[in-house]
Amino acid sequence: MPRMLRRAAVLGATAHVASQRGAARAEQQAAQQQSMAAPEQEAAIPEQPAPPVAEAAASAADPYDQLMKLKQLLDAGALTQAEFDAQKQKILGS
């Protein structure tokens, strides 16, 4: 039973990351299409870089939940200890 729960957690975390990356790609493609459609407007209005979607979602989520997902990924072997520690420091802001 614990193995099935661990597998479900890994799949859930993977789906979340894939969703975030997909949203970022869609945003990037929309920006590219918009810049191709109106190059004269781009010169008039300076473009500001969009905040990374993954970081925005990470800051909005509960740090405890994020740490639990990271720990599950570490236990499943999807992350190395160094990657886990780096992400943990980002979440904790230290």
PDB file of N, CA and C in Angstrom:
ATOM      1  N   MET A   1       0.813  -1.200   0.000  1.00  0.00           N
ATOM      2  CA  MET A   1       0.000   0.000   0.000  1.00  0.00           C
ATOM      3  C   MET A   1       0.860   1.270   0.000  1.00  0.00           C
ATOM      4  N   PRO A   2       1.895   1.377   0.848  1.00  0.00           N
ATOM      5  CA  PRO A   2       2.710   2.599   0.830  1.00  0.00           C
ATOM      6  C   PRO A   2       3.367   2.840  -0.530  1.00  0.00           C
ATOM      7  N   ARG A   3       3.719   1.760  -1.230  1.00  0.00           N
ATOM      8  CA  ARG A   3       4.361   1.919  -2.524  1.00  0.00           C
ATOM      9  C   ARG A   3       3.386   2.568  -3.516  1.00  0.00           C
ATOM     10  N   MET A   4       2.121   2.172  -3.439  1.00  0.00           N
ATOM     11  CA  MET A   4       1.112   2.758  -4.331  1.00  0.00           C
ATOM     12  C   MET A   4       0.911   4.235  -4.010  1.00  0.00           C
ATOM     13  N   LEU A   5       0.912   4.581  -2.729  1.00  0.00           N
ATOM     14  CA  LEU A   5       0.758   5.977  -2.333  1.00  0.00           C
ATOM     15  C   LEU A   5       1.951   6.799  -2.802  1.00  0.00           C
ATOM     16  N   ARG A   6       3.133   6.238  -2.664  1.00  0.00           N
ATOM     17  CA  ARG A   6       4.346   6.928  -3.095  1.00  0.00           C
ATOM     18  C   ARG A   6       4.306   7.153  -4.601  1.00  0.00           C
ATOM     19  N   ARG A   7       3.883   6.134  -5.325  1.00  0.00           N
ATOM     20  CA  ARG A   7       3.782   6.236  -6.773  1.00  0.00           C
ATOM     21  C   ARG A   7       2.772   7.310  -7.170  1.00  0.00           C
ATOM     22  N   ALA A   8       1.653   7.342  -6.475  1.00  0.00           N
ATOM     23  CA  ALA A   8       0.636   8.357  -6.758  1.00  0.00           C
ATOM     24  C   ALA A   8       1.172   9.755  -6.469  1.00  0.00           C
ATOM     25  N   ALA A   9       1.930   9.895  -5.400  1.00  0.00           N
ATOM     26  CA  ALA A   9       2.497  11.198  -5.054  1.00  0.00           C
ATOM     27  C   ALA A   9       3.501  11.655  -6.114  1.00  0.00           C
ATOM     28  N   VAL A  10       4.314  10.738  -6.578  1.00  0.00           N
ATOM     29  CA  VAL A  10       5.300  11.067  -7.608  1.00  0.00           C
ATOM     30  C   VAL A  10       4.584  11.462  -8.896  1.00  0.00           C
ATOM     31  N   LEU A  11       3.558  10.709  -9.255  1.00  0.00           N
ATOM     32  CA  LEU A  11       2.808  11.041 -10.463  1.00  0.00           C
ATOM     33  C   LEU A  11       2.118  12.395 -10.328  1.00  0.00           C
ATOM     34  N   GLY A  12       1.581  12.669  -9.157  1.00  0.00           N
ATOM     35  CA  GLY A  12       0.932  13.959  -8.928  1.00  0.00           C
ATOM     36  C   GLY A  12       1.912  15.105  -9.038  1.00  0.00           C
ATOM     37  N   ALA A  13       3.071  14.938  -8.440  1.00  0.00           N
ATOM     38  CA  ALA A  13       4.092  15.989  -8.506  1.00  0.00           C
ATOM     39  C   ALA A  13       4.578  16.170  -9.940  1.00  0.00           C
ATOM     40  N   THR A  14       4.743  15.073 -10.653  1.00  0.00           N
ATOM     41  CA  THR A  14       5.183  15.141 -12.041  1.00  0.00           C
ATOM     42  C   THR A  14       4.138  15.848 -12.896  1.00  0.00           C
ATOM     43  N   ALA A  15       2.877  15.527 -12.669  1.00  0.00           N
ATOM     44  CA  ALA A  15       1.801  16.180 -13.419  1.00  0.00           C
ATOM     45  C   ALA A  15       1.767  17.677 -13.134  1.00  0.00           C
ATOM     46  N   HIS A  16       2.011  18.048 -11.887  1.00  0.00           N
ATOM     47  CA  HIS A  16       2.020  19.469 -11.516  1.00  0.00           C
ATOM     48  C   HIS A  16       3.144  20.201 -12.248  1.00  0.00           C
ATOM     49  N   VAL A  17       4.326  19.625 -12.247  1.00  0.00           N
ATOM     50  CA  VAL A  17       5.469  20.252 -12.922  1.00  0.00           C
ATOM     51  C   VAL A  17       5.205  20.351 -14.417  1.00  0.00           C
ATOM     52  N   ALA A  18       4.660  19.278 -15.007  1.00  0.00           N
ATOM     53  CA  ALA A  18       4.367  19.297 -16.439  1.00  0.00           C
ATOM     54  C   ALA A  18       3.328  20.358 -16.765  1.00  0.00           C
ATOM     55  N   SER A  19       2.351  20.501 -15.913  1.00  0.00           N
ATOM     56  CA  SER A  19       1.313  21.516 -16.123  1.00  0.00           C
ATOM     57  C   SER A  19       1.921  22.913 -16.087  1.00  0.00           C
ATOM     58  N   GLN A  20       2.792  23.162 -15.129  1.00  0.00           N
ATOM     59  CA  GLN A  20       3.434  24.464 -15.021  1.00  0.00           C
ATOM     60  C   GLN A  20       4.300  24.761 -16.236  1.00  0.00           C
ATOM     61  N   ARG A  21       5.037  23.752 -16.691  1.00  0.00           N
ATOM     62  CA  ARG A  21       5.883  23.952 -17.873  1.00  0.00           C
ATOM     63  C   ARG A  21       5.036  24.190 -19.115  1.00  0.00           C
ATOM     64  N   GLY A  22       3.933  23.473 -19.223  1.00  0.00           N
ATOM     65  CA  GLY A  22       3.035  23.663 -20.360  1.00  0.00           C
ATOM     66  C   GLY A  22       2.456  25.063 -20.375  1.00  0.00           C
ATOM     67  N   ALA A  23       2.070  25.555 -19.209  1.00  0.00           N
ATOM     68  CA  ALA A  23       1.530  26.910 -19.116  1.00  0.00           C
ATOM     69  C   ALA A  23       2.590  27.934 -19.493  1.00  0.00           C
ATOM     70  N   ALA A  24       3.813  27.717 -19.058  1.00  0.00           N
ATOM     71  CA  ALA A  24       4.896  28.640 -19.385  1.00  0.00           C
ATOM     72  C   ALA A  24       5.170  28.646 -20.891  1.00  0.00           C
ATOM     73  N   ARG A  25       5.140  27.454 -21.502  1.00  0.00           N
ATOM     74  CA  ARG A  25       5.356  27.377 -22.951  1.00  0.00           C
ATOM     75  C   ARG A  25       4.239  28.083 -23.707  1.00  0.00           C
ATOM     76  N   ALA A  26       3.010  27.869 -23.280  1.00  0.00           N
ATOM     77  CA  ALA A  26       1.877  28.520 -23.946  1.00  0.00           C
ATOM     78  C   ALA A  26       1.992  30.034 -23.832  1.00  0.00           C
ATOM     79  N   GLU A  27       2.403  30.506 -22.671  1.00  0.00           N
ATOM     80  CA  GLU A  27       2.596  31.939 -22.458  1.00  0.00           C
ATOM     81  C   GLU A  27       3.691  32.485 -23.372  1.00  0.00           C
ATOM     82  N   GLN A  28       4.763  31.726 -23.482  1.00  0.00           N
ATOM     83  CA  GLN A  28       5.884  32.143 -24.324  1.00  0.00           C
ATOM     84  C   GLN A  28       5.469  32.170 -25.794  1.00  0.00           C
ATOM     85  N   GLN A  29       4.737  31.159 -26.242  1.00  0.00           N
ATOM     86  CA  GLN A  29       4.286  31.133 -27.635  1.00  0.00           C
ATOM     87  C   GLN A  29       3.317  32.268 -27.931  1.00  0.00           C
ATOM     88  N   ALA A  30       2.439  32.572 -26.994  1.00  0.00           N
ATOM     89  CA  ALA A  30       1.502  33.671 -27.182  1.00  0.00           C
ATOM     90  C   ALA A  30       2.254  34.990 -27.295  1.00  0.00           C
ATOM     91  N   ALA A  31       3.278  35.159 -26.482  1.00  0.00           N
ATOM     92  CA  ALA A  31       4.078  36.384 -26.537  1.00  0.00           C
ATOM     93  C   ALA A  31       4.813  36.492 -27.871  1.00  0.00           C
ATOM     94  N   GLN A  32       5.317  35.365 -28.374  1.00  0.00           N
ATOM     95  CA  GLN A  32       6.007  35.379 -29.658  1.00  0.00           C
ATOM     96  C   GLN A  32       5.047  35.727 -30.790  1.00  0.00           C
ATOM     97  N   GLN A  33       3.859  35.147 -30.757  1.00  0.00           N
ATOM     98  CA  GLN A  33       2.878  35.439 -31.797  1.00  0.00           C
ATOM     99  C   GLN A  33       2.441  36.894 -31.740  1.00  0.00           C
ATOM    100  N   GLN A  34       2.299  37.409 -30.554  1.00  0.00           N
ATOM    101  CA  GLN A  34       1.891  38.802 -30.400  1.00  0.00           C
ATOM    102  C   GLN A  34       2.988  39.732 -30.905  1.00  0.00           C
ATOM    103  N   SER A  35       4.236  39.399 -30.627  1.00  0.00           N
ATOM    104  CA  SER A  35       5.328  40.265 -31.077  1.00  0.00           C
ATOM    105  C   SER A  35       5.482  40.211 -32.587  1.00  0.00           C
ATOM    106  N   MET A  36       5.161  39.083 -33.205  1.00  0.00           N
ATOM    107  CA  MET A  36       5.221  38.990 -34.667  1.00  0.00           C
ATOM    108  C   MET A  36       4.068  39.754 -35.314  1.00  0.00           C
ATOM    109  N   ALA A  37       2.925  39.786 -34.648  1.00  0.00           N
ATOM    110  CA  ALA A  37       1.749  40.431 -35.212  1.00  0.00           C
ATOM    111  C   ALA A  37       1.851  41.952 -35.170  1.00  0.00           C
ATOM    112  N   ALA A  38       2.492  42.500 -34.156  1.00  0.00           N
ATOM    113  CA  ALA A  38       2.546  43.955 -34.002  1.00  0.00           C
ATOM    114  C   ALA A  38       3.944  44.415 -33.613  1.00  0.00           C
ATOM    115  N   PRO A  39       4.902  44.407 -34.552  1.00  0.00           N
ATOM    116  CA  PRO A  39       6.262  44.837 -34.200  1.00  0.00           C
ATOM    117  C   PRO A  39       6.351  46.326 -33.894  1.00  0.00           C
ATOM    118  N   GLU A  40       5.476  47.150 -34.479  1.00  0.00           N
ATOM    119  CA  GLU A  40       5.531  48.588 -34.197  1.00  0.00           C
ATOM    120  C   GLU A  40       5.072  48.895 -32.778  1.00  0.00           C
ATOM    121  N   GLN A  41       4.138  48.114 -32.251  1.00  0.00           N
ATOM    122  CA  GLN A  41       3.685  48.321 -30.880  1.00  0.00           C
ATOM    123  C   GLN A  41       4.759  47.917 -29.881  1.00  0.00           C
ATOM    124  N   GLU A  42       5.541  46.914 -30.214  1.00  0.00           N
ATOM    125  CA  GLU A  42       6.605  46.456 -29.319  1.00  0.00           C
ATOM    126  C   GLU A  42       7.657  47.540 -29.116  1.00  0.00           C
ATOM    127  N   ALA A  43       7.942  48.304 -30.178  1.00  0.00           N
ATOM    128  CA  ALA A  43       8.927  49.373 -30.065  1.00  0.00           C
ATOM    129  C   ALA A  43       8.410  50.502 -29.178  1.00  0.00           C
ATOM    130  N   ALA A  44       7.116  50.729 -29.184  1.00  0.00           N
ATOM    131  CA  ALA A  44       6.537  51.812 -28.401  1.00  0.00           C
ATOM    132  C   ALA A  44       6.423  51.456 -26.924  1.00  0.00           C
ATOM    133  N   ILE A  45       6.162  50.195 -26.615  1.00  0.00           N
ATOM    134  CA  ILE A  45       5.967  49.764 -25.227  1.00  0.00           C
ATOM    135  C   ILE A  45       7.082  48.790 -24.859  1.00  0.00           C
ATOM    136  N   PRO A  46       7.966  49.165 -23.926  1.00  0.00           N
ATOM    137  CA  PRO A  46       9.032  48.232 -23.542  1.00  0.00           C
ATOM    138  C   PRO A  46       8.431  47.011 -22.850  1.00  0.00           C
ATOM    139  N   GLU A  47       8.928  45.852 -23.247  1.00  0.00           N
ATOM    140  CA  GLU A  47       8.417  44.599 -22.691  1.00  0.00           C
ATOM    141  C   GLU A  47       9.090  44.301 -21.363  1.00  0.00           C
ATOM    142  N   GLN A  48       8.278  43.947 -20.382  1.00  0.00           N
ATOM    143  CA  GLN A  48       8.807  43.572 -19.083  1.00  0.00           C
ATOM    144  C   GLN A  48       8.818  42.053 -18.997  1.00  0.00           C
ATOM    145  N   PRO A  49       9.896  41.473 -18.475  1.00  0.00           N
ATOM    146  CA  PRO A  49       9.941  40.019 -18.397  1.00  0.00           C
ATOM    147  C   PRO A  49       8.855  39.496 -17.451  1.00  0.00           C
ATOM    148  N   ALA A  50       8.200  38.441 -17.878  1.00  0.00           N
ATOM    149  CA  ALA A  50       7.151  37.831 -17.055  1.00  0.00           C
ATOM    150  C   ALA A  50       7.797  37.027 -15.934  1.00  0.00           C
ATOM    151  N   PRO A  51       7.211  37.043 -14.744  1.00  0.00           N
ATOM    152  CA  PRO A  51       7.769  36.242 -13.662  1.00  0.00           C
ATOM    153  C   PRO A  51       7.622  34.762 -13.988  1.00  0.00           C
ATOM    154  N   PRO A  52       8.589  33.951 -13.607  1.00  0.00           N
ATOM    155  CA  PRO A  52       8.502  32.515 -13.880  1.00  0.00           C
ATOM    156  C   PRO A  52       7.257  31.918 -13.242  1.00  0.00           C
ATOM    157  N   VAL A  53       6.551  31.106 -14.000  1.00  0.00           N
ATOM    158  CA  VAL A  53       5.306  30.510 -13.531  1.00  0.00           C
ATOM    159  C   VAL A  53       5.569  29.561 -12.370  1.00  0.00           C
ATOM    160  N   ALA A  54       6.637  28.780 -12.464  1.00  0.00           N
ATOM    161  CA  ALA A  54       6.927  27.802 -11.409  1.00  0.00           C
ATOM    162  C   ALA A  54       7.203  28.500 -10.079  1.00  0.00           C
ATOM    163  N   GLU A  55       7.945  29.605 -10.117  1.00  0.00           N
ATOM    164  CA  GLU A  55       8.236  30.313  -8.873  1.00  0.00           C
ATOM    165  C   GLU A  55       6.991  30.974  -8.301  1.00  0.00           C
ATOM    166  N   ALA A  56       6.140  31.510  -9.165  1.00  0.00           N
ATOM    167  CA  ALA A  56       4.915  32.136  -8.686  1.00  0.00           C
ATOM    168  C   ALA A  56       4.013  31.103  -8.030  1.00  0.00           C
ATOM    169  N   ALA A  57       3.913  29.935  -8.639  1.00  0.00           N
ATOM    170  CA  ALA A  57       3.082  28.873  -8.062  1.00  0.00           C
ATOM    171  C   ALA A  57       3.718  28.351  -6.774  1.00  0.00           C
ATOM    172  N   ALA A  58       5.047  28.278  -6.757  1.00  0.00           N
ATOM    173  CA  ALA A  58       5.723  27.760  -5.571  1.00  0.00           C
ATOM    174  C   ALA A  58       5.551  28.701  -4.384  1.00  0.00           C
ATOM    175  N   SER A  59       5.582  30.021  -4.630  1.00  0.00           N
ATOM    176  CA  SER A  59       5.451  30.951  -3.521  1.00  0.00           C
ATOM    177  C   SER A  59       4.036  30.989  -2.988  1.00  0.00           C
ATOM    178  N   ALA A  60       3.053  30.665  -3.846  1.00  0.00           N
ATOM    179  CA  ALA A  60       1.659  30.698  -3.423  1.00  0.00           C
ATOM    180  C   ALA A  60       1.270  29.450  -2.630  1.00  0.00           C
ATOM    181  N   ALA A  61       1.980  28.346  -2.832  1.00  0.00           N
ATOM    182  CA  ALA A  61       1.639  27.091  -2.167  1.00  0.00           C
ATOM    183  C   ALA A  61       2.179  27.065  -0.737  1.00  0.00           C
ATOM    184  N   ASP A  62       1.654  26.153   0.031  1.00  0.00           N
ATOM    185  CA  ASP A  62       2.071  25.971   1.417  1.00  0.00           C
ATOM    186  C   ASP A  62       3.474  25.354   1.458  1.00  0.00           C
ATOM    187  N   PRO A  63       4.420  25.956   2.182  1.00  0.00           N
ATOM    188  CA  PRO A  63       5.781  25.419   2.229  1.00  0.00           C
ATOM    189  C   PRO A  63       5.831  23.985   2.753  1.00  0.00           C
ATOM    190  N   TYR A  64       4.963  23.653   3.698  1.00  0.00           N
ATOM    191  CA  TYR A  64       4.950  22.288   4.226  1.00  0.00           C
ATOM    192  C   TYR A  64       4.601  21.291   3.120  1.00  0.00           C
ATOM    193  N   ASP A  65       3.593  21.617   2.308  1.00  0.00           N
ATOM    194  CA  ASP A  65       3.198  20.729   1.216  1.00  0.00           C
ATOM    195  C   ASP A  65       4.326  20.587   0.200  1.00  0.00           C
ATOM    196  N   GLN A  66       4.993  21.693  -0.084  1.00  0.00           N
ATOM    197  CA  GLN A  66       6.101  21.650  -1.028  1.00  0.00           C
ATOM    198  C   GLN A  66       7.221  20.752  -0.512  1.00  0.00           C
ATOM    199  N   LEU A  67       7.541  20.893   0.762  1.00  0.00           N
ATOM    200  CA  LEU A  67       8.598  20.073   1.338  1.00  0.00           C
ATOM    201  C   LEU A  67       8.216  18.593   1.338  1.00  0.00           C
ATOM    202  N   MET A  68       6.949  18.306   1.596  1.00  0.00           N
ATOM    203  CA  MET A  68       6.504  16.914   1.587  1.00  0.00           C
ATOM    204  C   MET A  68       6.614  16.322   0.181  1.00  0.00           C
ATOM    205  N   LYS A  69       6.253  17.094  -0.846  1.00  0.00           N
ATOM    206  CA  LYS A  69       6.371  16.615  -2.219  1.00  0.00           C
ATOM    207  C   LYS A  69       7.833  16.377  -2.584  1.00  0.00           C
ATOM    208  N   LEU A  70       8.692  17.316  -2.175  1.00  0.00           N
ATOM    209  CA  LEU A  70      10.123  17.138  -2.436  1.00  0.00           C
ATOM    210  C   LEU A  70      10.659  15.892  -1.753  1.00  0.00           C
ATOM    211  N   LYS A  71      10.237  15.663  -0.513  1.00  0.00           N
ATOM    212  CA  LYS A  71      10.700  14.486   0.226  1.00  0.00           C
ATOM    213  C   LYS A  71      10.237  13.206  -0.458  1.00  0.00           C
ATOM    214  N   GLN A  72       9.014  13.221  -0.971  1.00  0.00           N
ATOM    215  CA  GLN A  72       8.513  12.043  -1.678  1.00  0.00           C
ATOM    216  C   GLN A  72       9.318  11.799  -2.961  1.00  0.00           C
ATOM    217  N   LEU A  73       9.655  12.862  -3.654  1.00  0.00           N
ATOM    218  CA  LEU A  73      10.478  12.723  -4.855  1.00  0.00           C
ATOM    219  C   LEU A  73      11.876  12.218  -4.508  1.00  0.00           C
ATOM    220  N   LEU A  74      12.413  12.683  -3.393  1.00  0.00           N
ATOM    221  CA  LEU A  74      13.723  12.212  -2.935  1.00  0.00           C
ATOM    222  C   LEU A  74      13.653  10.730  -2.596  1.00  0.00           C
ATOM    223  N   ASP A  75      12.620  10.334  -1.863  1.00  0.00           N
ATOM    224  CA  ASP A  75      12.462   8.932  -1.475  1.00  0.00           C
ATOM    225  C   ASP A  75      12.258   8.030  -2.684  1.00  0.00           C
ATOM    226  N   ALA A  76      11.596   8.547  -3.709  1.00  0.00           N
ATOM    227  CA  ALA A  76      11.340   7.759  -4.909  1.00  0.00           C
ATOM    228  C   ALA A  76      12.568   7.687  -5.817  1.00  0.00           C
ATOM    229  N   GLY A  77      13.586   8.491  -5.522  1.00  0.00           N
ATOM    230  CA  GLY A  77      14.794   8.487  -6.332  1.00  0.00           C
ATOM    231  C   GLY A  77      14.749   9.457  -7.501  1.00  0.00           C
ATOM    232  N   ALA A  78      13.723  10.280  -7.566  1.00  0.00           N
ATOM    233  CA  ALA A  78      13.606  11.251  -8.657  1.00  0.00           C
ATOM    234  C   ALA A  78      14.524  12.451  -8.440  1.00  0.00           C
ATOM    235  N   LEU A  79      14.916  12.709  -7.192  1.00  0.00           N
ATOM    236  CA  LEU A  79      15.823  13.809  -6.855  1.00  0.00           C
ATOM    237  C   LEU A  79      17.035  13.261  -6.124  1.00  0.00           C
ATOM    238  N   THR A  80      18.167  13.942  -6.321  1.00  0.00           N
ATOM    239  CA  THR A  80      19.347  13.615  -5.517  1.00  0.00           C
ATOM    240  C   THR A  80      19.265  14.402  -4.213  1.00  0.00           C
ATOM    241  N   GLN A  81      20.090  14.038  -3.264  1.00  0.00           N
ATOM    242  CA  GLN A  81      20.097  14.746  -1.990  1.00  0.00           C
ATOM    243  C   GLN A  81      20.474  16.217  -2.188  1.00  0.00           C
ATOM    244  N   ALA A  82      21.414  16.484  -3.094  1.00  0.00           N
ATOM    245  CA  ALA A  82      21.841  17.861  -3.357  1.00  0.00           C
ATOM    246  C   ALA A  82      20.698  18.682  -3.965  1.00  0.00           C
ATOM    247  N   GLU A  83      19.952  18.075  -4.899  1.00  0.00           N
ATOM    248  CA  GLU A  83      18.819  18.776  -5.494  1.00  0.00           C
ATOM    249  C   GLU A  83      17.744  19.050  -4.443  1.00  0.00           C
ATOM    250  N   PHE A  84      17.507  18.054  -3.598  1.00  0.00           N
ATOM    251  CA  PHE A  84      16.527  18.209  -2.527  1.00  0.00           C
ATOM    252  C   PHE A  84      16.922  19.365  -1.610  1.00  0.00           C
ATOM    253  N   ASP A  85      18.190  19.378  -1.206  1.00  0.00           N
ATOM    254  CA  ASP A  85      18.665  20.431  -0.297  1.00  0.00           C
ATOM    255  C   ASP A  85      18.553  21.814  -0.934  1.00  0.00           C
ATOM    256  N   ALA A  86      18.880  21.918  -2.227  1.00  0.00           N
ATOM    257  CA  ALA A  86      18.805  23.211  -2.911  1.00  0.00           C
ATOM    258  C   ALA A  86      17.357  23.709  -2.977  1.00  0.00           C
ATOM    259  N   GLN A  87      16.431  22.818  -3.322  1.00  0.00           N
ATOM    260  CA  GLN A  87      15.028  23.208  -3.402  1.00  0.00           C
ATOM    261  C   GLN A  87      14.469  23.535  -2.021  1.00  0.00           C
ATOM    262  N   LYS A  88      14.910  22.805  -1.022  1.00  0.00           N
ATOM    263  CA  LYS A  88      14.459  23.053   0.349  1.00  0.00           C
ATOM    264  C   LYS A  88      14.883  24.447   0.798  1.00  0.00           C
ATOM    265  N   GLN A  89      16.118  24.829   0.452  1.00  0.00           N
ATOM    266  CA  GLN A  89      16.594  26.155   0.830  1.00  0.00           C
ATOM    267  C   GLN A  89      15.800  27.245   0.118  1.00  0.00           C
ATOM    268  N   LYS A  90      15.413  27.006  -1.143  1.00  0.00           N
ATOM    269  CA  LYS A  90      14.598  27.980  -1.867  1.00  0.00           C
ATOM    270  C   LYS A  90      13.236  28.159  -1.181  1.00  0.00           C
ATOM    271  N   ILE A  91      12.642  27.033  -0.797  1.00  0.00           N
ATOM    272  CA  ILE A  91      11.313  27.086  -0.176  1.00  0.00           C
ATOM    273  C   ILE A  91      11.383  27.787   1.169  1.00  0.00           C
ATOM    274  N   LEU A  92      12.389  27.468   1.945  1.00  0.00           N
ATOM    275  CA  LEU A  92      12.507  28.048   3.267  1.00  0.00           C
ATOM    276  C   LEU A  92      13.059  29.470   3.233  1.00  0.00           C
ATOM    277  N   GLY A  93      13.590  29.878   2.096  1.00  0.00           N
ATOM    278  CA  GLY A  93      14.091  31.241   1.952  1.00  0.00           C
ATOM    279  C   GLY A  93      15.369  31.509   2.730  1.00  0.00           C
ATOM    280  N   SER A  94      16.136  30.466   2.945  1.00  0.00           N
ATOM    281  CA  SER A  94      17.391  30.628   3.710  1.00  0.00           C
ATOM    282  C   SER A  94      18.574  30.588   2.790  1.00  0.00           C
TER     283      SER A  94
END
